[in-house]
PDB file of N, CA and C in Angstrom:
ATOM      1  N   MET A   1     140.927 107.760  72.099  1.00  0.00           N
ATOM      2  CA  MET A   1     139.674 107.602  71.390  1.00  0.00           C
ATOM      3  C   MET A   1     139.265 106.140  71.312  1.00  0.00           C
ATOM      4  N   GLY A   2     140.266 105.248  71.196  1.00  0.00           N
ATOM      5  CA  GLY A   2     139.973 103.825  71.118  1.00  0.00           C
ATOM      6  C   GLY A   2     139.306 103.291  72.363  1.00  0.00           C
ATOM      7  N   ILE A   3     139.687 103.818  73.525  1.00  0.00           N
ATOM      8  CA  ILE A   3     139.091 103.367  74.788  1.00  0.00           C
ATOM      9  C   ILE A   3     137.617 103.746  74.830  1.00  0.00           C
ATOM     10  N   ILE A   4     137.297 104.934  74.363  1.00  0.00           N
ATOM     11  CA  ILE A   4     135.899 105.386  74.363  1.00  0.00           C
ATOM     12  C   ILE A   4     135.072 104.524  73.417  1.00  0.00           C
ATOM     13  N   ILE A   5     135.626 104.200  72.260  1.00  0.00           N
ATOM     14  CA  ILE A   5     134.909 103.346  71.307  1.00  0.00           C
ATOM     15  C   ILE A   5     134.668 101.973  71.910  1.00  0.00           C
ATOM     16  N   ARG A   6     135.671 101.403  72.542  1.00  0.00           N
ATOM     17  CA  ARG A   6     135.507 100.080  73.167  1.00  0.00           C
ATOM     18  C   ARG A   6     134.513 100.132  74.332  1.00  0.00           C
ATOM     19  N   LEU A   7     134.508 101.244  75.067  1.00  0.00           N
ATOM     20  CA  LEU A   7     133.555 101.419  76.154  1.00  0.00           C
ATOM     21  C   LEU A   7     132.127 101.445  75.614  1.00  0.00           C
ATOM     22  N   VAL A   8     131.914 102.173  74.535  1.00  0.00           N
ATOM     23  CA  VAL A   8     130.577 102.241  73.928  1.00  0.00           C
ATOM     24  C   VAL A   8     130.175 100.876  73.364  1.00  0.00           C
ATOM     25  N   ILE A   9     131.116 100.168  72.753  1.00  0.00           N
ATOM     26  CA  ILE A   9     130.821  98.831  72.224  1.00  0.00           C
ATOM     27  C   ILE A   9     130.421  97.895  73.353  1.00  0.00           C
ATOM     28  N   THR A  10     131.133  97.957  74.477  1.00  0.00           N
ATOM     29  CA  THR A  10     130.785  97.111  75.620  1.00  0.00           C
ATOM     30  C   THR A  10     129.419  97.486  76.177  1.00  0.00           C
ATOM     31  N   ALA A  11     129.131  98.790  76.242  1.00  0.00           N
ATOM     32  CA  ALA A  11     127.823  99.235  76.736  1.00  0.00           C
ATOM     33  C   ALA A  11     126.695  98.746  75.832  1.00  0.00           C
ATOM     34  N   VAL A  12     126.896  98.815  74.513  1.00  0.00           N
ATOM     35  CA  VAL A  12     125.890  98.309  73.572  1.00  0.00           C
ATOM     36  C   VAL A  12     125.726  96.799  73.744  1.00  0.00           C
ATOM     37  N   SER A  13     126.827  96.095  73.947  1.00  0.00           N
ATOM     38  CA  SER A  13     126.769  94.645  74.155  1.00  0.00           C
ATOM     39  C   SER A  13     126.003  94.309  75.431  1.00  0.00           C
ATOM     40  N   LEU A  14     126.229  95.076  76.488  1.00  0.00           N
ATOM     41  CA  LEU A  14     125.493  94.863  77.732  1.00  0.00           C
ATOM     42  C   LEU A  14     124.009  95.142  77.534  1.00  0.00           C
ATOM     43  N   TRP A  15     123.682  96.164  76.764  1.00  0.00           N
ATOM     44  CA  TRP A  15     122.283  96.481  76.496  1.00  0.00           C
ATOM     45  C   TRP A  15     121.600  95.340  75.747  1.00  0.00           C
ATOM     46  N   ILE A  16     122.298  94.789  74.748  1.00  0.00           N
ATOM     47  CA  ILE A  16     121.729  93.662  74.003  1.00  0.00           C
ATOM     48  C   ILE A  16     121.549  92.456  74.922  1.00  0.00           C
ATOM     49  N   ALA A  17     122.482  92.248  75.831  1.00  0.00           N
ATOM     50  CA  ALA A  17     122.348  91.139  76.782  1.00  0.00           C
ATOM     51  C   ALA A  17     121.123  91.325  77.670  1.00  0.00           C
ATOM     52  N   THR A  18     120.809  92.576  78.050  1.00  0.00           N
ATOM     53  CA  THR A  18     119.610  92.809  78.870  1.00  0.00           C
ATOM     54  C   THR A  18     118.339  92.528  78.081  1.00  0.00           C
ATOM     55  N   LEU A  19     118.406  92.704  76.764  1.00  0.00           N
ATOM     56  CA  LEU A  19     117.229  92.427  75.930  1.00  0.00           C
ATOM     57  C   LEU A  19     117.030  90.937  75.684  1.00  0.00           C
ATOM     58  N   VAL A  20     118.137  90.185  75.584  1.00  0.00           N
ATOM     59  CA  VAL A  20     118.067  88.782  75.183  1.00  0.00           C
ATOM     60  C   VAL A  20     117.926  87.840  76.376  1.00  0.00           C
ATOM     61  N   VAL A  21     118.666  88.091  77.442  1.00  0.00           N
ATOM     62  CA  VAL A  21     118.680  87.183  78.592  1.00  0.00           C
ATOM     63  C   VAL A  21     117.683  87.678  79.633  1.00  0.00           C
ATOM     64  N   GLY A  22     116.786  86.793  80.031  1.00  0.00           N
ATOM     65  CA  GLY A  22     115.745  87.166  80.985  1.00  0.00           C
ATOM     66  C   GLY A  22     116.252  87.485  82.374  1.00  0.00           C
ATOM     67  N   GLY A  23     117.364  86.938  82.792  1.00  0.00           N
ATOM     68  CA  GLY A  23     117.875  87.148  84.142  1.00  0.00           C
ATOM     69  C   GLY A  23     118.777  88.356  84.291  1.00  0.00           C
ATOM     70  N   ILE A  24     118.908  89.146  83.244  1.00  0.00           N
ATOM     71  CA  ILE A  24     119.718  90.360  83.312  1.00  0.00           C
ATOM     72  C   ILE A  24     118.780  91.528  83.070  1.00  0.00           C
ATOM     73  N   ARG A  25     118.723  92.425  84.062  1.00  0.00           N
ATOM     74  CA  ARG A  25     117.769  93.528  83.984  1.00  0.00           C
ATOM     75  C   ARG A  25     118.453  94.878  84.124  1.00  0.00           C
ATOM     76  N   LEU A  26     117.898  95.840  83.429  1.00  0.00           N
ATOM     77  CA  LEU A  26     118.298  97.234  83.546  1.00  0.00           C
ATOM     78  C   LEU A  26     117.060  97.972  84.037  1.00  0.00           C
ATOM     79  N   ASP A  27     116.983  98.192  85.349  1.00  0.00           N
ATOM     80  CA  ASP A  27     115.763  98.700  85.981  1.00  0.00           C
ATOM     81  C   ASP A  27     115.758 100.218  86.103  1.00  0.00           C
ATOM     82  N   THR A  28     115.617 100.884  84.995  1.00  0.00           N
ATOM     83  CA  THR A  28     115.454 102.331  84.990  1.00  0.00           C
ATOM     84  C   THR A  28     114.582 102.700  83.795  1.00  0.00           C
ATOM     85  N   ASP A  29     113.855 103.787  83.919  1.00  0.00           N
ATOM     86  CA  ASP A  29     112.882 104.134  82.886  1.00  0.00           C
ATOM     87  C   ASP A  29     113.403 105.132  81.864  1.00  0.00           C
ATOM     88  N   SER A  30     114.178 106.095  82.292  1.00  0.00           N
ATOM     89  CA  SER A  30     114.601 107.143  81.353  1.00  0.00           C
ATOM     90  C   SER A  30     115.785 106.677  80.509  1.00  0.00           C
ATOM     91  N   VAL A  31     115.818 107.136  79.281  1.00  0.00           N
ATOM     92  CA  VAL A  31     116.879 106.762  78.348  1.00  0.00           C
ATOM     93  C   VAL A  31     118.245 107.275  78.821  1.00  0.00           C
ATOM     94  N   PRO A  32     118.366 108.540  79.289  1.00  0.00           N
ATOM     95  CA  PRO A  32     119.676 108.986  79.773  1.00  0.00           C
ATOM     96  C   PRO A  32     120.186 108.167  80.958  1.00  0.00           C
ATOM     97  N   ALA A  33     119.276 107.750  81.838  1.00  0.00           N
ATOM     98  CA  ALA A  33     119.687 106.924  82.982  1.00  0.00           C
ATOM     99  C   ALA A  33     120.155 105.552  82.512  1.00  0.00           C
ATOM    100  N   LYS A  34     119.484 104.992  81.501  1.00  0.00           N
ATOM    101  CA  LYS A  34     119.909 103.708  80.947  1.00  0.00           C
ATOM    102  C   LYS A  34     121.297 103.814  80.331  1.00  0.00           C
ATOM    103  N   ILE A  35     121.520 104.878  79.562  1.00  0.00           N
ATOM    104  CA  ILE A  35     122.818 105.060  78.917  1.00  0.00           C
ATOM    105  C   ILE A  35     123.909 105.232  79.963  1.00  0.00           C
ATOM    106  N   GLY A  36     123.648 106.051  80.968  1.00  0.00           N
ATOM    107  CA  GLY A  36     124.626 106.264  82.031  1.00  0.00           C
ATOM    108  C   GLY A  36     124.929 104.992  82.798  1.00  0.00           C
ATOM    109  N   THR A  37     123.882 104.228  83.098  1.00  0.00           N
ATOM    110  CA  THR A  37     124.067 102.967  83.804  1.00  0.00           C
ATOM    111  C   THR A  37     124.866 101.980  82.973  1.00  0.00           C
ATOM    112  N   LEU A  38     124.533 101.867  81.700  1.00  0.00           N
ATOM    113  CA  LEU A  38     125.259 100.943  80.826  1.00  0.00           C
ATOM    114  C   LEU A  38     126.728 101.344  80.683  1.00  0.00           C
ATOM    115  N   LEU A  39     127.009 102.633  80.576  1.00  0.00           N
ATOM    116  CA  LEU A  39     128.404 103.078  80.493  1.00  0.00           C
ATOM    117  C   LEU A  39     129.152 102.801  81.792  1.00  0.00           C
ATOM    118  N   ALA A  40     128.491 103.018  82.932  1.00  0.00           N
ATOM    119  CA  ALA A  40     129.128 102.746  84.225  1.00  0.00           C
ATOM    120  C   ALA A  40     129.394 101.245  84.393  1.00  0.00           C
ATOM    121  N   VAL A  41     128.438 100.421  84.013  1.00  0.00           N
ATOM    122  CA  VAL A  41     128.623  98.966  84.111  1.00  0.00           C
ATOM    123  C   VAL A  41     129.703  98.507  83.140  1.00  0.00           C
ATOM    124  N   ALA A  42     129.781  99.133  81.969  1.00  0.00           N
ATOM    125  CA  ALA A  42     130.847  98.791  81.017  1.00  0.00           C
ATOM    126  C   ALA A  42     132.215  99.109  81.599  1.00  0.00           C
ATOM    127  N   ILE A  43     132.322 100.215  82.317  1.00  0.00           N
ATOM    128  CA  ILE A  43     133.586 100.549  82.981  1.00  0.00           C
ATOM    129  C   ILE A  43     133.921  99.513  84.044  1.00  0.00           C
ATOM    130  N   ILE A  44     132.933  99.153  84.851  1.00  0.00           N
ATOM    131  CA  ILE A  44     133.145  98.136  85.891  1.00  0.00           C
ATOM    132  C   ILE A  44     133.553  96.811  85.254  1.00  0.00           C
ATOM    133  N   PHE A  45     132.854  96.420  84.196  1.00  0.00           N
ATOM    134  CA  PHE A  45     133.145  95.162  83.502  1.00  0.00           C
ATOM    135  C   PHE A  45     134.567  95.163  82.952  1.00  0.00           C
ATOM    136  N   GLY A  46     134.986  96.289  82.381  1.00  0.00           N
ATOM    137  CA  GLY A  46     136.344  96.400  81.856  1.00  0.00           C
ATOM    138  C   GLY A  46     137.393  96.304  82.939  1.00  0.00           C
ATOM    139  N   ILE A  47     137.150  96.954  84.068  1.00  0.00           N
ATOM    140  CA  ILE A  47     138.112  96.903  85.171  1.00  0.00           C
ATOM    141  C   ILE A  47     138.194  95.505  85.756  1.00  0.00           C
ATOM    142  N   VAL A  48     137.043  94.869  85.963  1.00  0.00           N
ATOM    143  CA  VAL A  48     137.029  93.503  86.504  1.00  0.00           C
ATOM    144  C   VAL A  48     137.796  92.563  85.583  1.00  0.00           C
ATOM    145  N   ASN A  49     137.542  92.655  84.290  1.00  0.00           N
ATOM    146  CA  ASN A  49     138.236  91.786  83.338  1.00  0.00           C
ATOM    147  C   ASN A  49     139.725  92.107  83.248  1.00  0.00           C
ATOM    148  N   ALA A  50     140.079  93.376  83.290  1.00  0.00           N
ATOM    149  CA  ALA A  50     141.492  93.747  83.177  1.00  0.00           C
ATOM    150  C   ALA A  50     142.296  93.324  84.404  1.00  0.00           C
ATOM    151  N   VAL A  51     141.684  93.349  85.564  1.00  0.00           N
ATOM    152  CA  VAL A  51     142.409  93.023  86.798  1.00  0.00           C
ATOM    153  C   VAL A  51     142.386  91.527  87.086  1.00  0.00           C
ATOM    154  N   LEU A  52     141.218  90.916  87.036  1.00  0.00           N
ATOM    155  CA  LEU A  52     141.089  89.530  87.494  1.00  0.00           C
ATOM    156  C   LEU A  52     141.383  88.473  86.444  1.00  0.00           C
ATOM    157  N   ARG A  53     141.043  88.720  85.195  1.00  0.00           N
ATOM    158  CA  ARG A  53     141.215  87.694  84.162  1.00  0.00           C
ATOM    159  C   ARG A  53     142.661  87.203  84.034  1.00  0.00           C
ATOM    160  N   PRO A  54     143.678  88.082  83.985  1.00  0.00           N
ATOM    161  CA  PRO A  54     145.048  87.561  83.881  1.00  0.00           C
ATOM    162  C   PRO A  54     145.470  86.735  85.096  1.00  0.00           C
ATOM    163  N   ILE A  55     145.010  87.137  86.262  1.00  0.00           N
ATOM    164  CA  ILE A  55     145.343  86.393  87.481  1.00  0.00           C
ATOM    165  C   ILE A  55     144.706  85.011  87.436  1.00  0.00           C
ATOM    166  N   ILE A  56     143.446  84.954  87.052  1.00  0.00           N
ATOM    167  CA  ILE A  56     142.727  83.678  86.992  1.00  0.00           C
ATOM    168  C   ILE A  56     143.337  82.770  85.934  1.00  0.00           C
ATOM    169  N   LYS A  57     143.675  83.333  84.767  1.00  0.00           N
ATOM    170  CA  LYS A  57     144.273  82.513  83.713  1.00  0.00           C
ATOM    171  C   LYS A  57     145.630  81.962  84.139  1.00  0.00           C
ATOM    172  N   THR A  58     146.396  82.759  84.854  1.00  0.00           N
ATOM    173  CA  THR A  58     147.708  82.295  85.314  1.00  0.00           C
ATOM    174  C   THR A  58     147.576  81.195  86.354  1.00  0.00           C
ATOM    175  N   ILE A  59     146.714  81.394  87.305  1.00  0.00           N
ATOM    176  CA  ILE A  59     146.546  80.410  88.374  1.00  0.00           C
ATOM    177  C   ILE A  59     145.862  79.148  87.853  1.00  0.00           C
ATOM    178  N   GLY A  60     144.875  79.308  86.976  1.00  0.00           N
ATOM    179  CA  GLY A  60     144.093  78.159  86.533  1.00  0.00           C
ATOM    180  C   GLY A  60     144.440  77.633  85.164  1.00  0.00           C
ATOM    181  N   CYS A  61     145.680  77.847  84.717  1.00  0.00           N
ATOM    182  CA  CYS A  61     146.024  77.420  83.353  1.00  0.00           C
ATOM    183  C   CYS A  61     145.888  75.902  83.198  1.00  0.00           C
ATOM    184  N   GLY A  62     146.089  75.152  84.251  1.00  0.00           N
ATOM    185  CA  GLY A  62     145.897  73.699  84.177  1.00  0.00           C
ATOM    186  C   GLY A  62     144.459  73.329  83.879  1.00  0.00           C
ATOM    187  N   LEU A  63     143.524  74.061  84.480  1.00  0.00           N
ATOM    188  CA  LEU A  63     142.101  73.802  84.212  1.00  0.00           C
ATOM    189  C   LEU A  63     141.736  74.156  82.784  1.00  0.00           C
ATOM    190  N   TYR A  64     142.348  75.214  82.256  1.00  0.00           N
ATOM    191  CA  TYR A  64     142.086  75.571  80.861  1.00  0.00           C
ATOM    192  C   TYR A  64     142.538  74.443  79.936  1.00  0.00           C
ATOM    193  N   VAL A  65     143.695  73.886  80.215  1.00  0.00           N
ATOM    194  CA  VAL A  65     144.214  72.788  79.386  1.00  0.00           C
ATOM    195  C   VAL A  65     143.365  71.540  79.578  1.00  0.00           C
ATOM    196  N   LEU A  66     143.048  71.221  80.830  1.00  0.00           N
ATOM    197  CA  LEU A  66     142.294  70.010  81.149  1.00  0.00           C
ATOM    198  C   LEU A  66     140.893  70.017  80.528  1.00  0.00           C
ATOM    199  N   THR A  67     140.247  71.191  80.510  1.00  0.00           N
ATOM    200  CA  THR A  67     138.878  71.276  79.985  1.00  0.00           C
ATOM    201  C   THR A  67     138.835  71.780  78.545  1.00  0.00           C
ATOM    202  N   LEU A  68     139.985  71.886  77.910  1.00  0.00           N
ATOM    203  CA  LEU A  68     140.091  72.381  76.538  1.00  0.00           C
ATOM    204  C   LEU A  68     139.481  73.773  76.388  1.00  0.00           C
ATOM    205  N   GLY A  69     139.611  74.582  77.415  1.00  0.00           N
ATOM    206  CA  GLY A  69     139.147  75.960  77.384  1.00  0.00           C
ATOM    207  C   GLY A  69     137.708  76.181  77.784  1.00  0.00           C
ATOM    208  N   LEU A  70     136.963  75.110  78.038  1.00  0.00           N
ATOM    209  CA  LEU A  70     135.551  75.279  78.388  1.00  0.00           C
ATOM    210  C   LEU A  70     135.366  75.923  79.759  1.00  0.00           C
ATOM    211  N   ILE A  71     136.383  75.857  80.600  1.00  0.00           N
ATOM    212  CA  ILE A  71     136.298  76.504  81.908  1.00  0.00           C
ATOM    213  C   ILE A  71     136.166  78.023  81.747  1.00  0.00           C
ATOM    214  N   SER A  72     136.569  78.538  80.588  1.00  0.00           N
ATOM    215  CA  SER A  72     136.464  79.982  80.365  1.00  0.00           C
ATOM    216  C   SER A  72     135.006  80.445  80.375  1.00  0.00           C
ATOM    217  N   LEU A  73     134.077  79.586  79.979  1.00  0.00           N
ATOM    218  CA  LEU A  73     132.653  79.938  80.062  1.00  0.00           C
ATOM    219  C   LEU A  73     132.241  80.161  81.510  1.00  0.00           C
ATOM    220  N   VAL A  74     132.700  79.284  82.383  1.00  0.00           N
ATOM    221  CA  VAL A  74     132.396  79.411  83.810  1.00  0.00           C
ATOM    222  C   VAL A  74     133.054  80.661  84.379  1.00  0.00           C
ATOM    223  N   ILE A  75     134.314  80.872  84.048  1.00  0.00           N
ATOM    224  CA  ILE A  75     135.055  82.037  84.555  1.00  0.00           C
ATOM    225  C   ILE A  75     134.400  83.327  84.066  1.00  0.00           C
ATOM    226  N   ASN A  76     134.057  83.387  82.782  1.00  0.00           N
ATOM    227  CA  ASN A  76     133.404  84.585  82.245  1.00  0.00           C
ATOM    228  C   ASN A  76     132.070  84.836  82.934  1.00  0.00           C
ATOM    229  N   GLY A  77     131.321  83.773  83.196  1.00  0.00           N
ATOM    230  CA  GLY A  77     130.057  83.917  83.915  1.00  0.00           C
ATOM    231  C   GLY A  77     130.258  84.445  85.320  1.00  0.00           C
ATOM    232  N   LEU A  78     131.272  83.934  86.009  1.00  0.00           N
ATOM    233  CA  LEU A  78     131.554  84.406  87.368  1.00  0.00           C
ATOM    234  C   LEU A  78     132.007  85.870  87.363  1.00  0.00           C
ATOM    235  N   LEU A  79     132.807  86.252  86.382  1.00  0.00           N
ATOM    236  CA  LEU A  79     133.229  87.652  86.286  1.00  0.00           C
ATOM    237  C   LEU A  79     132.042  88.560  85.963  1.00  0.00           C
ATOM    238  N   PHE A  80     131.116  88.078  85.136  1.00  0.00           N
ATOM    239  CA  PHE A  80     129.915  88.842  84.826  1.00  0.00           C
ATOM    240  C   PHE A  80     129.022  88.971  86.057  1.00  0.00           C
ATOM    241  N   LEU A  81     128.914  87.894  86.820  1.00  0.00           N
ATOM    242  CA  LEU A  81     128.141  87.921  88.061  1.00  0.00           C
ATOM    243  C   LEU A  81     128.770  88.898  89.053  1.00  0.00           C
ATOM    244  N   LEU A  82     130.087  88.902  89.133  1.00  0.00           N
ATOM    245  CA  LEU A  82     130.796  89.846  89.997  1.00  0.00           C
ATOM    246  C   LEU A  82     130.546  91.285  89.544  1.00  0.00           C
ATOM    247  N   THR A  83     130.524  91.505  88.252  1.00  0.00           N
ATOM    248  CA  THR A  83     130.230  92.837  87.723  1.00  0.00           C
ATOM    249  C   THR A  83     128.836  93.293  88.149  1.00  0.00           C
ATOM    250  N   GLY A  84     127.865  92.399  88.070  1.00  0.00           N
ATOM    251  CA  GLY A  84     126.511  92.727  88.511  1.00  0.00           C
ATOM    252  C   GLY A  84     126.452  93.040  89.992  1.00  0.00           C
ATOM    253  N   TRP A  85     127.222  92.302  90.791  1.00  0.00           N
ATOM    254  CA  TRP A  85     127.250  92.544  92.232  1.00  0.00           C
ATOM    255  C   TRP A  85     127.887  93.900  92.536  1.00  0.00           C
ATOM    256  N   ILE A  86     129.003  94.201  91.876  1.00  0.00           N
ATOM    257  CA  ILE A  86     129.664  95.491  92.093  1.00  0.00           C
ATOM    258  C   ILE A  86     128.748  96.633  91.658  1.00  0.00           C
ATOM    259  N   ALA A  87     128.041  96.462  90.542  1.00  0.00           N
ATOM    260  CA  ALA A  87     127.092  97.481  90.096  1.00  0.00           C
ATOM    261  C   ALA A  87     126.015  97.712  91.154  1.00  0.00           C
ATOM    262  N   GLY A  88     125.583  96.651  91.794  1.00  0.00           N
ATOM    263  CA  GLY A  88     124.601  96.776  92.875  1.00  0.00           C
ATOM    264  C   GLY A  88     125.155  97.533  94.073  1.00  0.00           C
ATOM    265  N   GLN A  89     126.449  97.364  94.351  1.00  0.00           N
ATOM    266  CA  GLN A  89     127.076  98.084  95.452  1.00  0.00           C
ATOM    267  C   GLN A  89     127.146  99.588  95.187  1.00  0.00           C
ATOM    268  N   PHE A  90     127.175  99.974  93.923  1.00  0.00           N
ATOM    269  CA  PHE A  90     127.168 101.383  93.538  1.00  0.00           C
ATOM    270  C   PHE A  90     125.751 101.897  93.249  1.00  0.00           C
ATOM    271  N   ASP A  91     124.739 101.111  93.622  1.00  0.00           N
ATOM    272  CA  ASP A  91     123.327 101.451  93.414  1.00  0.00           C
ATOM    273  C   ASP A  91     122.992 101.725  91.954  1.00  0.00           C
ATOM    274  N   LEU A  92     123.628 100.982  91.070  1.00  0.00           N
ATOM    275  CA  LEU A  92     123.285 101.059  89.653  1.00  0.00           C
ATOM    276  C   LEU A  92     122.120 100.114  89.380  1.00  0.00           C
ATOM    277  N   ALA A  93     121.281 100.456  88.447  1.00  0.00           N
ATOM    278  CA  ALA A  93     120.074  99.684  88.157  1.00  0.00           C
ATOM    279  C   ALA A  93     120.361  98.541  87.190  1.00  0.00           C
ATOM    280  N   PHE A  94     121.412  97.784  87.447  1.00  0.00           N
ATOM    281  CA  PHE A  94     121.799  96.653  86.606  1.00  0.00           C
ATOM    282  C   PHE A  94     121.859  95.427  87.497  1.00  0.00           C
ATOM    283  N   GLU A  95     121.066  94.411  87.165  1.00  0.00           N
ATOM    284  CA  GLU A  95     120.994  93.212  87.995  1.00  0.00           C
ATOM    285  C   GLU A  95     121.209  91.956  87.166  1.00  0.00           C
ATOM    286  N   VAL A  96     121.961  91.024  87.740  1.00  0.00           N
ATOM    287  CA  VAL A  96     122.185  89.721  87.125  1.00  0.00           C
ATOM    288  C   VAL A  96     121.662  88.686  88.114  1.00  0.00           C
ATOM    289  N   ASP A  97     120.653  87.926  87.693  1.00  0.00           N
ATOM    290  CA  ASP A  97     120.009  86.945  88.569  1.00  0.00           C
ATOM    291  C   ASP A  97     120.527  85.548  88.289  1.00  0.00           C
ATOM    292  N   GLY A  98     121.542  85.145  89.008  1.00  0.00           N
ATOM    293  CA  GLY A  98     121.989  83.762  88.950  1.00  0.00           C
ATOM    294  C   GLY A  98     123.108  83.488  87.965  1.00  0.00           C
ATOM    295  N   PHE A  99     123.667  82.315  88.158  1.00  0.00           N
ATOM    296  CA  PHE A  99     124.852  81.896  87.405  1.00  0.00           C
ATOM    297  C   PHE A  99     124.542  81.639  85.933  1.00  0.00           C
ATOM    298  N   VAL A 100     123.418  81.009  85.635  1.00  0.00           N
ATOM    299  CA  VAL A 100     123.076  80.702  84.239  1.00  0.00           C
ATOM    300  C   VAL A 100     122.877  81.988  83.443  1.00  0.00           C
ATOM    301  N   ALA A 101     122.178  82.948  84.018  1.00  0.00           N
ATOM    302  CA  ALA A 101     121.994  84.238  83.349  1.00  0.00           C
ATOM    303  C   ALA A 101     123.340  84.932  83.150  1.00  0.00           C
ATOM    304  N   ALA A 102     124.237  84.796  84.124  1.00  0.00           N
ATOM    305  CA  ALA A 102     125.560  85.416  84.011  1.00  0.00           C
ATOM    306  C   ALA A 102     126.374  84.779  82.895  1.00  0.00           C
ATOM    307  N   VAL A 103     126.326  83.455  82.784  1.00  0.00           N
ATOM    308  CA  VAL A 103     127.069  82.775  81.717  1.00  0.00           C
ATOM    309  C   VAL A 103     126.506  83.161  80.351  1.00  0.00           C
ATOM    310  N   LEU A 104     125.189  83.150  80.223  1.00  0.00           N
ATOM    311  CA  LEU A 104     124.568  83.537  78.949  1.00  0.00           C
ATOM    312  C   LEU A 104     124.854  85.002  78.617  1.00  0.00           C
ATOM    313  N   GLY A 105     124.789  85.865  79.627  1.00  0.00           N
ATOM    314  CA  GLY A 105     125.083  87.277  79.421  1.00  0.00           C
ATOM    315  C   GLY A 105     126.521  87.503  78.997  1.00  0.00           C
ATOM    316  N   ALA A 106     127.453  86.819  79.651  1.00  0.00           N
ATOM    317  CA  ALA A 106     128.863  86.955  79.279  1.00  0.00           C
ATOM    318  C   ALA A 106     129.107  86.446  77.870  1.00  0.00           C
ATOM    319  N   LEU A 107     128.431  85.373  77.508  1.00  0.00           N
ATOM    320  CA  LEU A 107     128.570  84.825  76.160  1.00  0.00           C
ATOM    321  C   LEU A 107     128.046  85.808  75.108  1.00  0.00           C
ATOM    322  N   ILE A 108     126.894  86.397  75.385  1.00  0.00           N
ATOM    323  CA  ILE A 108     126.313  87.357  74.447  1.00  0.00           C
ATOM    324  C   ILE A 108     127.168  88.620  74.364  1.00  0.00           C
ATOM    325  N   VAL A 109     127.630  89.121  75.512  1.00  0.00           N
ATOM    326  CA  VAL A 109     128.482  90.310  75.511  1.00  0.00           C
ATOM    327  C   VAL A 109     129.764  90.032  74.732  1.00  0.00           C
ATOM    328  N   GLY A 110     130.331  88.863  74.904  1.00  0.00           N
ATOM    329  CA  GLY A 110     131.544  88.508  74.176  1.00  0.00           C
ATOM    330  C   GLY A 110     131.337  88.438  72.678  1.00  0.00           C
ATOM    331  N   ILE A 111     130.261  87.798  72.256  1.00  0.00           N
ATOM    332  CA  ILE A 111     129.987  87.651  70.825  1.00  0.00           C
ATOM    333  C   ILE A 111     129.654  88.994  70.187  1.00  0.00           C
ATOM    334  N   VAL A 112     128.771  89.765  70.824  1.00  0.00           N
ATOM    335  CA  VAL A 112     128.376  91.062  70.263  1.00  0.00           C
ATOM    336  C   VAL A 112     129.569  92.015  70.240  1.00  0.00           C
ATOM    337  N   SER A 113     130.382  92.010  71.286  1.00  0.00           N
ATOM    338  CA  SER A 113     131.566  92.870  71.309  1.00  0.00           C
ATOM    339  C   SER A 113     132.536  92.482  70.204  1.00  0.00           C
ATOM    340  N   TRP A 114     132.705  91.200  69.990  1.00  0.00           N
ATOM    341  CA  TRP A 114     133.606  90.726  68.936  1.00  0.00           C
ATOM    342  C   TRP A 114     133.111  91.196  67.559  1.00  0.00           C
ATOM    343  N   VAL A 115     131.815  91.037  67.315  1.00  0.00           N
ATOM    344  CA  VAL A 115     131.252  91.442  66.021  1.00  0.00           C
ATOM    345  C   VAL A 115     131.381  92.953  65.833  1.00  0.00           C
ATOM    346  N   LEU A 116     131.040  93.721  66.849  1.00  0.00           N
ATOM    347  CA  LEU A 116     131.118  95.172  66.721  1.00  0.00           C
ATOM    348  C   LEU A 116     132.561  95.655  66.580  1.00  0.00           C
ATOM    349  N   ASN A 117     133.491  95.012  67.284  1.00  0.00           N
ATOM    350  CA  ASN A 117     134.903  95.372  67.138  1.00  0.00           C
ATOM    351  C   ASN A 117     135.424  95.051  65.745  1.00  0.00           C
ATOM    352  N   MET A 118     134.862  94.020  65.107  1.00  0.00           N
ATOM    353  CA  MET A 118     135.255  93.698  63.735  1.00  0.00           C
ATOM    354  C   MET A 118     134.746  94.769  62.757  1.00  0.00           C
ATOM    355  N   LEU A 119     133.590  95.361  63.056  1.00  0.00           N
ATOM    356  CA  LEU A 119     132.988  96.347  62.171  1.00  0.00           C
ATOM    357  C   LEU A 119     133.587  97.736  62.325  1.00  0.00           C
ATOM    358  N   VAL A 120     134.105  98.030  63.530  1.00  0.00           N
ATOM    359  CA  VAL A 120     134.651  99.359  63.808  1.00  0.00           C
ATOM    360  C   VAL A 120     136.155  99.321  63.627  1.00  0.00           C
ATOM    361  N   PRO A 121     136.696 100.199  62.795  1.00  0.00           N
ATOM    362  CA  PRO A 121     138.154 100.216  62.630  1.00  0.00           C
ATOM    363  C   PRO A 121     138.826 100.684  63.905  1.00  0.00           C
ATOM    364  N   ASP A 122     140.001 100.119  64.203  1.00  0.00           N
ATOM    365  CA  ASP A 122     140.686 100.447  65.445  1.00  0.00           C
ATOM    366  C   ASP A 122     141.707 101.555  65.311  1.00  0.00           C
ATOM    367  N   GLY A 123     141.827 102.162  64.167  1.00  0.00           N
ATOM    368  CA  GLY A 123     142.755 103.251  63.961  1.00  0.00           C
ATOM    369  C   GLY A 123     144.130 102.800  63.510  1.00  0.00           C
ATOM    370  N   GLY A 124     144.435 101.530  63.663  1.00  0.00           N
ATOM    371  CA  GLY A 124     145.718 101.009  63.234  1.00  0.00           C
ATOM    372  C   GLY A 124     145.702 100.570  61.782  1.00  0.00           C
ATOM    373  N   ASP A 125     144.533 100.541  61.172  1.00  0.00           N
ATOM    374  CA  ASP A 125     144.390 100.128  59.782  1.00  0.00           C
ATOM    375  C   ASP A 125     144.544 101.340  58.870  1.00  0.00           C
ATOM    376  N   ASN A 126     145.607 101.401  58.146  1.00  0.00           N
ATOM    377  CA  ASN A 126     145.830 102.490  57.196  1.00  0.00           C
ATOM    378  C   ASN A 126     145.841 101.945  55.797  1.00  0.00           C
ATOM    379  N   ASP A 127     144.669 101.652  55.302  1.00  0.00           N
ATOM    380  CA  ASP A 127     144.541 101.060  53.949  1.00  0.00           C
ATOM    381  C   ASP A 127     144.594 102.112  52.887  1.00  0.00           C
TER     382      ASP A 127
END
């Protein structure tokens, strides 16, 4: 159940990013198609982050130390751009136009996901 909740949170975060950042578009008209596209992109985003992020952090740990972690903004933007490209390969109506839009989108998705995850209990809290 936790995976489904996190998937929905990521999809909502991606939707908010499409509303806020001009270079991120969700090009479909019907609401069910938008929801399906956002859920599919959330799955792609989760897989990309789960597979590539640990590898990148391990290989580039020196850059993380050297830049005091600011390189993570660039890495997150590149992973978001990759997610948009993969979505395009699956003919999903989700587009990311350029590196700046990708960095801003990744930043917004990260912040919104963090806030929503704070609001939703994870099931491990037995108060």
